[in-house]
PDB file of N, CA and C in Angstrom:
ATOM      1  N   MET A   1     164.969  18.289 286.914  1.00  0.00           N
ATOM      2  CA  MET A   1     163.932  18.316 285.954  1.00  0.00           C
ATOM      3  C   MET A   1     164.719  17.203 284.628  1.00  0.00           C
ATOM      4  N   ALA A   2     163.211  16.528 284.415  1.00  0.00           N
ATOM      5  CA  ALA A   2     163.890  15.503 283.181  1.00  0.00           C
ATOM      6  C   ALA A   2     164.228  16.417 281.907  1.00  0.00           C
ATOM      7  N   LYS A   3     165.022  15.620 281.057  1.00  0.00           N
ATOM      8  CA  LYS A   3     165.326  16.474 279.665  1.00  0.00           C
ATOM      9  C   LYS A   3     164.158  16.482 278.978  1.00  0.00           C
ATOM     10  N   GLY A   4     163.766  17.604 278.301  1.00  0.00           N
ATOM     11  CA  GLY A   4     162.760  17.997 277.218  1.00  0.00           C
ATOM     12  C   GLY A   4     161.531  18.628 278.062  1.00  0.00           C
ATOM     13  N   GLN A   5     161.519  18.739 279.595  1.00  0.00           N
ATOM     14  CA  GLN A   5     160.504  19.592 280.135  1.00  0.00           C
ATOM     15  C   GLN A   5     160.868  20.903 280.073  1.00  0.00           C
ATOM     16  N   SER A   6     159.946  21.744 280.278  1.00  0.00           N
ATOM     17  CA  SER A   6     159.949  23.180 280.255  1.00  0.00           C
ATOM     18  C   SER A   6     159.885  23.853 281.300  1.00  0.00           C
ATOM     19  N   ASN A   7     159.649  25.132 281.489  1.00  0.00           N
ATOM     20  CA  ASN A   7     159.529  25.949 282.867  1.00  0.00           C
ATOM     21  C   ASN A   7     158.165  25.536 283.186  1.00  0.00           C
ATOM     22  N   ARG A   8     158.284  25.368 284.497  1.00  0.00           N
ATOM     23  CA  ARG A   8     157.178  25.089 285.231  1.00  0.00           C
ATOM     24  C   ARG A   8     156.778  26.033 286.362  1.00  0.00           C
ATOM     25  N   TYR A   9     155.502  26.088 286.584  1.00  0.00           N
ATOM     26  CA  TYR A   9     154.798  26.955 287.522  1.00  0.00           C
ATOM     27  C   TYR A   9     153.979  26.050 288.246  1.00  0.00           C
ATOM     28  N   ARG A  10     154.349  26.345 289.963  1.00  0.00           N
ATOM     29  CA  ARG A  10     153.799  25.315 290.794  1.00  0.00           C
ATOM     30  C   ARG A  10     153.193  26.231 292.244  1.00  0.00           C
ATOM     31  N   THR A  11     152.360  25.439 292.684  1.00  0.00           N
ATOM     32  CA  THR A  11     151.592  26.101 293.857  1.00  0.00           C
ATOM     33  C   THR A  11     151.447  24.904 294.910  1.00  0.00           C
ATOM     34  N   PHE A  12     152.108  24.843 295.975  1.00  0.00           N
ATOM     35  CA  PHE A  12     151.887  24.041 297.025  1.00  0.00           C
ATOM     36  C   PHE A  12     151.826  24.670 298.319  1.00  0.00           C
ATOM     37  N   LYS A  13     151.438  23.697 299.371  1.00  0.00           N
ATOM     38  CA  LYS A  13     151.114  24.121 300.811  1.00  0.00           C
ATOM     39  C   LYS A  13     152.193  23.458 301.602  1.00  0.00           C
ATOM     40  N   THR A  14     152.636  24.355 302.496  1.00  0.00           N
ATOM     41  CA  THR A  14     153.732  23.700 303.420  1.00  0.00           C
ATOM     42  C   THR A  14     153.170  23.061 304.503  1.00  0.00           C
ATOM     43  N   PRO A  15     153.965  22.100 305.441  1.00  0.00           N
ATOM     44  CA  PRO A  15     153.281  21.659 306.613  1.00  0.00           C
ATOM     45  C   PRO A  15     152.798  22.592 307.424  1.00  0.00           C
ATOM     46  N   GLU A  16     153.280  24.057 307.552  1.00  0.00           N
ATOM     47  CA  GLU A  16     153.009  25.103 308.400  1.00  0.00           C
ATOM     48  C   GLU A  16     151.678  25.679 308.071  1.00  0.00           C
ATOM     49  N   GLY A  17     151.433  25.530 306.685  1.00  0.00           N
ATOM     50  CA  GLY A  17     150.153  26.109 305.953  1.00  0.00           C
ATOM     51  C   GLY A  17     150.111  27.213 305.438  1.00  0.00           C
ATOM     52  N   VAL A  18     151.708  27.476 304.712  1.00  0.00           N
ATOM     53  CA  VAL A  18     152.236  28.753 303.894  1.00  0.00           C
ATOM     54  C   VAL A  18     151.783  28.111 302.421  1.00  0.00           C
ATOM     55  N   GLN A  19     150.893  29.052 301.931  1.00  0.00           N
ATOM     56  CA  GLN A  19     150.868  28.633 300.232  1.00  0.00           C
ATOM     57  C   GLN A  19     151.733  29.166 299.746  1.00  0.00           C
ATOM     58  N   VAL A  20     152.591  28.373 298.895  1.00  0.00           N
ATOM     59  CA  VAL A  20     153.796  28.791 298.153  1.00  0.00           C
ATOM     60  C   VAL A  20     153.530  28.725 296.524  1.00  0.00           C
ATOM     61  N   SER A  21     153.937  29.821 295.691  1.00  0.00           N
ATOM     62  CA  SER A  21     153.860  29.793 294.180  1.00  0.00           C
ATOM     63  C   SER A  21     155.333  30.146 293.908  1.00  0.00           C
ATOM     64  N   ILE A  22     155.605  28.754 292.857  1.00  0.00           N
ATOM     65  CA  ILE A  22     157.208  29.191 292.523  1.00  0.00           C
ATOM     66  C   ILE A  22     156.998  29.184 290.961  1.00  0.00           C
ATOM     67  N   PHE A  23     158.023  29.327 290.229  1.00  0.00           N
ATOM     68  CA  PHE A  23     158.487  29.407 288.960  1.00  0.00           C
ATOM     69  C   PHE A  23     159.663  28.622 288.708  1.00  0.00           C
ATOM     70  N   GLN A  24     159.975  27.656 287.943  1.00  0.00           N
ATOM     71  CA  GLN A  24     161.228  26.899 287.742  1.00  0.00           C
ATOM     72  C   GLN A  24     161.763  26.746 286.613  1.00  0.00           C
ATOM     73  N   PRO A  25     162.480  27.938 286.011  1.00  0.00           N
ATOM     74  CA  PRO A  25     163.030  27.586 284.729  1.00  0.00           C
ATOM     75  C   PRO A  25     163.971  26.360 284.623  1.00  0.00           C
ATOM     76  N   THR A  26     163.856  25.792 283.189  1.00  0.00           N
ATOM     77  CA  THR A  26     164.534  24.822 282.971  1.00  0.00           C
ATOM     78  C   THR A  26     165.776  24.707 283.298  1.00  0.00           C
ATOM     79  N   GLY A  27     166.292  23.685 284.117  1.00  0.00           N
ATOM     80  CA  GLY A  27     167.773  23.544 284.674  1.00  0.00           C
ATOM     81  C   GLY A  27     168.073  24.319 285.504  1.00  0.00           C
ATOM     82  N   GLN A  28     167.246  25.112 286.240  1.00  0.00           N
ATOM     83  CA  GLN A  28     167.659  26.223 287.408  1.00  0.00           C
ATOM     84  C   GLN A  28     167.034  25.954 288.616  1.00  0.00           C
ATOM     85  N   GLN A  29     167.245  26.798 289.561  1.00  0.00           N
ATOM     86  CA  GLN A  29     166.576  26.618 290.984  1.00  0.00           C
ATOM     87  C   GLN A  29     165.236  27.383 290.894  1.00  0.00           C
ATOM     88  N   PRO A  30     164.389  27.051 291.540  1.00  0.00           N
ATOM     89  CA  PRO A  30     162.976  27.475 291.508  1.00  0.00           C
ATOM     90  C   PRO A  30     163.018  28.753 292.424  1.00  0.00           C
ATOM     91  N   GLN A  31     162.205  29.765 291.634  1.00  0.00           N
ATOM     92  CA  GLN A  31     161.994  31.204 292.269  1.00  0.00           C
ATOM     93  C   GLN A  31     160.725  31.485 292.620  1.00  0.00           C
ATOM     94  N   PHE A  32     160.507  32.385 293.897  1.00  0.00           N
ATOM     95  CA  PHE A  32     159.243  32.664 294.195  1.00  0.00           C
ATOM     96  C   PHE A  32     158.855  33.377 293.008  1.00  0.00           C
ATOM     97  N   HIS A  33     157.327  33.225 292.818  1.00  0.00           N
ATOM     98  CA  HIS A  33     156.660  34.134 291.570  1.00  0.00           C
ATOM     99  C   HIS A  33     155.201  33.746 291.688  1.00  0.00           C
ATOM    100  N   SER A  34     154.494  34.886 291.324  1.00  0.00           N
ATOM    101  CA  SER A  34     153.223  34.827 291.023  1.00  0.00           C
ATOM    102  C   SER A  34     152.636  36.187 290.806  1.00  0.00           C
ATOM    103  N   LEU A  35     151.781  36.018 289.660  1.00  0.00           N
ATOM    104  CA  LEU A  35     151.156  37.258 289.089  1.00  0.00           C
ATOM    105  C   LEU A  35     149.377  37.127 289.366  1.00  0.00           C
ATOM    106  N   ASP A  36     149.110  36.393 290.333  1.00  0.00           N
ATOM    107  CA  ASP A  36     147.821  35.909 290.461  1.00  0.00           C
ATOM    108  C   ASP A  36     147.529  36.495 292.079  1.00  0.00           C
ATOM    109  N   GLY A  37     148.653  36.654 292.882  1.00  0.00           N
ATOM    110  CA  GLY A  37     148.573  37.349 294.312  1.00  0.00           C
ATOM    111  C   GLY A  37     149.866  36.869 295.024  1.00  0.00           C
ATOM    112  N   PRO A  38     149.738  37.002 296.264  1.00  0.00           N
ATOM    113  CA  PRO A  38     151.168  36.729 296.744  1.00  0.00           C
ATOM    114  C   PRO A  38     151.789  35.336 296.505  1.00  0.00           C
ATOM    115  N   ALA A  39     153.206  35.339 296.393  1.00  0.00           N
ATOM    116  CA  ALA A  39     153.733  34.344 296.108  1.00  0.00           C
ATOM    117  C   ALA A  39     153.952  33.374 297.332  1.00  0.00           C
ATOM    118  N   LEU A  40     154.137  33.880 298.440  1.00  0.00           N
ATOM    119  CA  LEU A  40     154.050  33.550 299.767  1.00  0.00           C
ATOM    120  C   LEU A  40     152.724  33.911 300.792  1.00  0.00           C
ATOM    121  N   LYS A  41     151.914  33.121 300.906  1.00  0.00           N
ATOM    122  CA  LYS A  41     150.546  33.305 301.670  1.00  0.00           C
ATOM    123  C   LYS A  41     150.439  32.821 302.856  1.00  0.00           C
ATOM    124  N   HIS A  42     150.646  33.623 303.806  1.00  0.00           N
ATOM    125  CA  HIS A  42     150.787  32.856 305.294  1.00  0.00           C
ATOM    126  C   HIS A  42     149.374  32.804 306.063  1.00  0.00           C
ATOM    127  N   PRO A  43     149.090  31.843 306.671  1.00  0.00           N
ATOM    128  CA  PRO A  43     147.938  31.621 307.517  1.00  0.00           C
ATOM    129  C   PRO A  43     147.774  32.766 308.278  1.00  0.00           C
ATOM    130  N   LYS A  44     146.673  33.019 308.654  1.00  0.00           N
ATOM    131  CA  LYS A  44     146.346  34.322 309.691  1.00  0.00           C
ATOM    132  C   LYS A  44     146.858  33.913 310.850  1.00  0.00           C
ATOM    133  N   SER A  45     146.908  32.718 311.344  1.00  0.00           N
ATOM    134  CA  SER A  45     147.296  32.534 312.793  1.00  0.00           C
ATOM    135  C   SER A  45     148.893  32.630 312.977  1.00  0.00           C
ATOM    136  N   MET A  46     149.573  32.806 311.624  1.00  0.00           N
ATOM    137  CA  MET A  46     151.016  33.170 311.646  1.00  0.00           C
ATOM    138  C   MET A  46     151.165  34.586 312.060  1.00  0.00           C
ATOM    139  N   ASN A  47     150.324  35.509 311.742  1.00  0.00           N
ATOM    140  CA  ASN A  47     150.501  37.032 312.057  1.00  0.00           C
ATOM    141  C   ASN A  47     151.569  37.714 311.163  1.00  0.00           C
ATOM    142  N   LYS A  48     151.724  37.062 309.882  1.00  0.00           N
ATOM    143  CA  LYS A  48     152.681  37.331 309.004  1.00  0.00           C
ATOM    144  C   LYS A  48     152.203  38.174 307.824  1.00  0.00           C
ATOM    145  N   LYS A  49     152.838  39.243 307.164  1.00  0.00           N
ATOM    146  CA  LYS A  49     152.256  39.687 306.174  1.00  0.00           C
ATOM    147  C   LYS A  49     152.353  38.753 304.623  1.00  0.00           C
ATOM    148  N   ASP A  50     151.558  38.726 303.930  1.00  0.00           N
ATOM    149  CA  ASP A  50     151.814  37.840 302.779  1.00  0.00           C
ATOM    150  C   ASP A  50     153.258  38.496 301.958  1.00  0.00           C
ATOM    151  N   GLU A  51     153.741  37.902 301.131  1.00  0.00           N
ATOM    152  CA  GLU A  51     154.846  38.452 300.490  1.00  0.00           C
ATOM    153  C   GLU A  51     154.722  38.215 298.837  1.00  0.00           C
ATOM    154  N   TYR A  52     155.121  39.420 298.118  1.00  0.00           N
ATOM    155  CA  TYR A  52     154.718  39.263 296.745  1.00  0.00           C
ATOM    156  C   TYR A  52     156.426  39.382 295.950  1.00  0.00           C
ATOM    157  N   PHE A  53     156.364  38.570 294.969  1.00  0.00           N
ATOM    158  CA  PHE A  53     157.565  38.100 294.269  1.00  0.00           C
ATOM    159  C   PHE A  53     157.130  38.215 292.669  1.00  0.00           C
ATOM    160  N   ILE A  54     157.922  38.678 291.913  1.00  0.00           N
ATOM    161  CA  ILE A  54     157.806  38.448 290.490  1.00  0.00           C
ATOM    162  C   ILE A  54     159.403  37.752 290.226  1.00  0.00           C
ATOM    163  N   TYR A  55     159.425  36.506 289.591  1.00  0.00           N
ATOM    164  CA  TYR A  55     160.593  35.818 289.017  1.00  0.00           C
ATOM    165  C   TYR A  55     161.663  35.927 290.181  1.00  0.00           C
ATOM    166  N   GLY A  56     161.352  35.786 291.433  1.00  0.00           N
ATOM    167  CA  GLY A  56     162.233  35.957 292.390  1.00  0.00           C
ATOM    168  C   GLY A  56     162.547  37.253 293.042  1.00  0.00           C
ATOM    169  N   ILE A  57     162.027  37.992 292.599  1.00  0.00           N
ATOM    170  CA  ILE A  57     162.527  39.646 293.275  1.00  0.00           C
ATOM    171  C   ILE A  57     161.466  39.922 293.834  1.00  0.00           C
ATOM    172  N   PRO A  58     161.558  40.314 295.143  1.00  0.00           N
ATOM    173  CA  PRO A  58     160.503  40.784 296.283  1.00  0.00           C
ATOM    174  C   PRO A  58     160.131  42.065 295.903  1.00  0.00           C
ATOM    175  N   TYR A  59     158.678  42.384 296.219  1.00  0.00           N
ATOM    176  CA  TYR A  59     158.184  43.725 295.897  1.00  0.00           C
ATOM    177  C   TYR A  59     157.006  44.079 296.954  1.00  0.00           C
ATOM    178  N   SER A  60     156.902  45.158 297.349  1.00  0.00           N
ATOM    179  CA  SER A  60     155.709  45.672 298.235  1.00  0.00           C
ATOM    180  C   SER A  60     154.485  45.389 297.491  1.00  0.00           C
ATOM    181  N   LYS A  61     153.242  45.072 298.188  1.00  0.00           N
ATOM    182  CA  LYS A  61     152.082  44.794 297.402  1.00  0.00           C
ATOM    183  C   LYS A  61     151.764  45.758 296.301  1.00  0.00           C
ATOM    184  N   ASP A  62     151.852  47.295 296.817  1.00  0.00           N
ATOM    185  CA  ASP A  62     151.485  48.350 295.893  1.00  0.00           C
ATOM    186  C   ASP A  62     152.528  48.363 294.681  1.00  0.00           C
ATOM    187  N   ARG A  63     153.855  47.928 294.589  1.00  0.00           N
ATOM    188  CA  ARG A  63     154.673  48.189 293.467  1.00  0.00           C
ATOM    189  C   ARG A  63     154.281  46.902 292.669  1.00  0.00           C
ATOM    190  N   TRP A  64     154.042  45.825 293.263  1.00  0.00           N
ATOM    191  CA  TRP A  64     153.582  44.351 292.709  1.00  0.00           C
ATOM    192  C   TRP A  64     152.448  44.637 291.797  1.00  0.00           C
ATOM    193  N   LEU A  65     151.154  45.304 292.374  1.00  0.00           N
ATOM    194  CA  LEU A  65     150.112  45.887 291.761  1.00  0.00           C
ATOM    195  C   LEU A  65     150.364  46.480 290.483  1.00  0.00           C
ATOM    196  N   GLU A  66     151.310  47.695 290.529  1.00  0.00           N
ATOM    197  CA  GLU A  66     151.739  48.365 289.446  1.00  0.00           C
ATOM    198  C   GLU A  66     152.432  47.498 288.384  1.00  0.00           C
ATOM    199  N   LEU A  67     153.261  46.539 288.738  1.00  0.00           N
ATOM    200  CA  LEU A  67     153.899  45.908 287.687  1.00  0.00           C
ATOM    201  C   LEU A  67     152.852  44.913 287.111  1.00  0.00           C
ATOM    202  N   LYS A  68     152.091  44.442 287.821  1.00  0.00           N
ATOM    203  CA  LYS A  68     151.059  43.343 287.176  1.00  0.00           C
ATOM    204  C   LYS A  68     150.172  43.981 286.304  1.00  0.00           C
ATOM    205  N   ASN A  69     149.766  45.457 286.634  1.00  0.00           N
ATOM    206  CA  ASN A  69     148.873  46.044 285.704  1.00  0.00           C
ATOM    207  C   ASN A  69     149.573  46.385 284.163  1.00  0.00           C
ATOM    208  N   ASP A  70     150.812  46.772 284.731  1.00  0.00           N
ATOM    209  CA  ASP A  70     151.757  47.411 283.344  1.00  0.00           C
ATOM    210  C   ASP A  70     151.718  45.920 282.585  1.00  0.00           C
ATOM    211  N   ALA A  71     152.195  44.925 283.134  1.00  0.00           N
ATOM    212  CA  ALA A  71     152.397  43.704 282.312  1.00  0.00           C
ATOM    213  C   ALA A  71     151.050  43.536 281.582  1.00  0.00           C
ATOM    214  N   LYS A  72     149.858  43.522 281.863  1.00  0.00           N
ATOM    215  CA  LYS A  72     148.653  43.095 281.278  1.00  0.00           C
ATOM    216  C   LYS A  72     148.339  43.857 279.997  1.00  0.00           C
ATOM    217  N   VAL A  73     148.621  45.303 280.219  1.00  0.00           N
ATOM    218  CA  VAL A  73     148.582  46.255 279.369  1.00  0.00           C
ATOM    219  C   VAL A  73     149.498  45.999 278.323  1.00  0.00           C
ATOM    220  N   LYS A  74     150.588  45.906 278.362  1.00  0.00           N
ATOM    221  CA  LYS A  74     151.683  45.612 277.382  1.00  0.00           C
ATOM    222  C   LYS A  74     151.653  44.479 276.686  1.00  0.00           C
ATOM    223  N   TYR A  75     151.369  43.105 277.418  1.00  0.00           N
ATOM    224  CA  TYR A  75     151.252  41.809 276.962  1.00  0.00           C
ATOM    225  C   TYR A  75     149.887  41.085 276.620  1.00  0.00           C
ATOM    226  N   ASP A  76     148.863  42.164 276.950  1.00  0.00           N
ATOM    227  CA  ASP A  76     147.547  41.359 276.351  1.00  0.00           C
ATOM    228  C   ASP A  76     147.017  41.829 275.144  1.00  0.00           C
ATOM    229  N   PRO A  77     147.047  40.944 274.290  1.00  0.00           N
ATOM    230  CA  PRO A  77     146.808  40.924 272.753  1.00  0.00           C
ATOM    231  C   PRO A  77     145.251  41.353 272.686  1.00  0.00           C
ATOM    232  N   PHE A  78     144.481  41.188 273.556  1.00  0.00           N
ATOM    233  CA  PHE A  78     143.228  41.707 273.345  1.00  0.00           C
ATOM    234  C   PHE A  78     142.898  42.967 273.968  1.00  0.00           C
ATOM    235  N   SER A  79     143.960  43.754 274.533  1.00  0.00           N
ATOM    236  CA  SER A  79     143.766  44.983 275.087  1.00  0.00           C
ATOM    237  C   SER A  79     143.911  46.261 274.304  1.00  0.00           C
ATOM    238  N   SER A  80     142.768  47.119 274.394  1.00  0.00           N
ATOM    239  CA  SER A  80     142.899  48.381 273.606  1.00  0.00           C
ATOM    240  C   SER A  80     143.907  49.312 273.983  1.00  0.00           C
ATOM    241  N   ASP A  81     144.317  49.050 275.002  1.00  0.00           N
ATOM    242  CA  ASP A  81     145.247  50.070 275.715  1.00  0.00           C
ATOM    243  C   ASP A  81     146.866  49.883 275.276  1.00  0.00           C
ATOM    244  N   ARG A  82     147.068  48.913 274.329  1.00  0.00           N
ATOM    245  CA  ARG A  82     148.347  48.630 274.294  1.00  0.00           C
ATOM    246  C   ARG A  82     148.974  49.351 273.147  1.00  0.00           C
ATOM    247  N   PHE A  83     148.338  50.246 272.317  1.00  0.00           N
ATOM    248  CA  PHE A  83     148.956  50.958 271.301  1.00  0.00           C
ATOM    249  C   PHE A  83     148.792  52.560 271.724  1.00  0.00           C
TER     250      PHE A  83
END
Protein backbone atom coordinates (compact mmCIF):
# COMPACT_ATOMS: atom_id res chain seq x y z
CA MET A 1 0.00 0.00 0.00
CA ALA A 2 1.33 3.41 -0.90
CA LYS A 3 2.31 5.89 1.79
CA GLY A 4 -0.62 8.04 2.86
CA GLN A 5 -3.30 5.47 2.04
CA SER A 6 -5.60 4.44 4.85
CA ASN A 7 -7.30 1.18 5.76
CA ARG A 8 -9.17 -0.40 2.89
CA TYR A 9 -12.22 -2.61 2.54
CA ARG A 10 -12.49 -4.60 -0.69
CA THR A 11 -14.73 -7.23 -2.19
CA PHE A 12 -13.72 -9.30 -5.19
CA LYS A 13 -14.51 -12.61 -6.87
CA THR A 14 -11.97 -15.41 -7.35
CA PRO A 15 -11.71 -17.35 -10.65
CA GLU A 16 -13.59 -20.19 -8.87
CA GLY A 17 -16.50 -17.81 -8.19
CA VAL A 18 -15.95 -17.27 -4.45
CA GLN A 19 -16.90 -13.75 -3.35
CA VAL A 20 -14.25 -12.52 -0.89
CA SER A 21 -14.55 -9.51 1.43
CA ILE A 22 -11.41 -8.24 3.14
CA PHE A 23 -10.15 -5.45 5.35
CA GLN A 24 -6.54 -4.35 4.95
CA PRO A 25 -5.13 -2.20 7.75
CA THR A 26 -2.44 0.21 6.63
CA GLY A 27 0.90 -1.59 6.36
CA GLN A 28 -0.52 -4.99 7.36
CA GLN A 29 -1.75 -8.18 5.71
CA PRO A 30 -5.39 -8.32 4.55
CA GLN A 31 -7.93 -10.04 6.81
CA PHE A 32 -11.27 -11.64 5.93
CA HIS A 33 -13.97 -9.23 7.16
CA SER A 34 -17.58 -8.28 6.51
CA LEU A 35 -20.42 -6.84 8.58
CA ASP A 36 -22.74 -7.01 5.56
CA GLY A 37 -22.78 -10.80 5.13
CA PRO A 38 -20.36 -13.70 4.76
CA ALA A 39 -16.75 -12.72 4.11
CA LEU A 40 -16.39 -15.85 1.98
CA LYS A 41 -19.45 -16.55 -0.11
CA HIS A 42 -19.13 -19.80 -2.05
CA PRO A 43 -21.11 -20.55 -5.23
CA LYS A 44 -23.87 -23.11 -4.70
CA SER A 45 -22.09 -25.49 -7.09
CA MET A 46 -19.22 -25.83 -4.57
CA ASN A 47 -21.54 -27.24 -1.86
CA LYS A 48 -19.65 -25.32 0.85
CA LYS A 49 -21.10 -23.20 3.62
CA ASP A 50 -20.47 -19.47 3.55
CA GLU A 51 -17.91 -18.30 6.10
CA TYR A 52 -18.30 -15.36 8.46
CA PHE A 53 -15.38 -13.25 9.75
CA ILE A 54 -14.92 -10.01 11.65
CA TYR A 55 -11.41 -8.57 11.32
CA GLY A 56 -9.92 -11.98 10.50
CA ILE A 57 -11.64 -13.91 13.30
CA PRO A 58 -13.98 -16.70 12.12
CA TYR A 59 -17.47 -16.98 13.66
CA SER A 60 -20.52 -19.16 13.23
CA LYS A 61 -23.37 -17.41 11.43
CA ASP A 62 -25.38 -17.12 14.68
CA ARG A 63 -22.49 -15.62 16.66
CA TRP A 64 -21.64 -13.28 13.77
CA LEU A 65 -25.26 -12.02 13.75
CA GLU A 66 -25.10 -11.40 17.52
CA LEU A 67 -21.87 -9.41 17.21
CA LYS A 68 -23.13 -7.47 14.21
CA ASN A 69 -26.35 -6.50 16.01
CA ASP A 70 -24.44 -5.54 19.19
CA ALA A 71 -22.11 -3.31 17.15
CA LYS A 72 -25.04 -1.49 15.53
CA VAL A 73 -26.63 -0.71 18.89
CA LYS A 74 -23.37 0.40 20.51
CA TYR A 75 -22.04 2.47 17.64
CA ASP A 76 -25.12 3.76 15.79
CA PRO A 77 -25.36 7.45 16.77
CA PHE A 78 -29.02 7.55 15.70
CA SER A 79 -30.10 4.49 17.69
CA SER A 80 -32.43 5.15 20.63
CA ASP A 81 -31.19 1.86 22.19
CA ARG A 82 -27.66 3.07 22.88
CA PHE A 83 -28.42 4.56 26.33
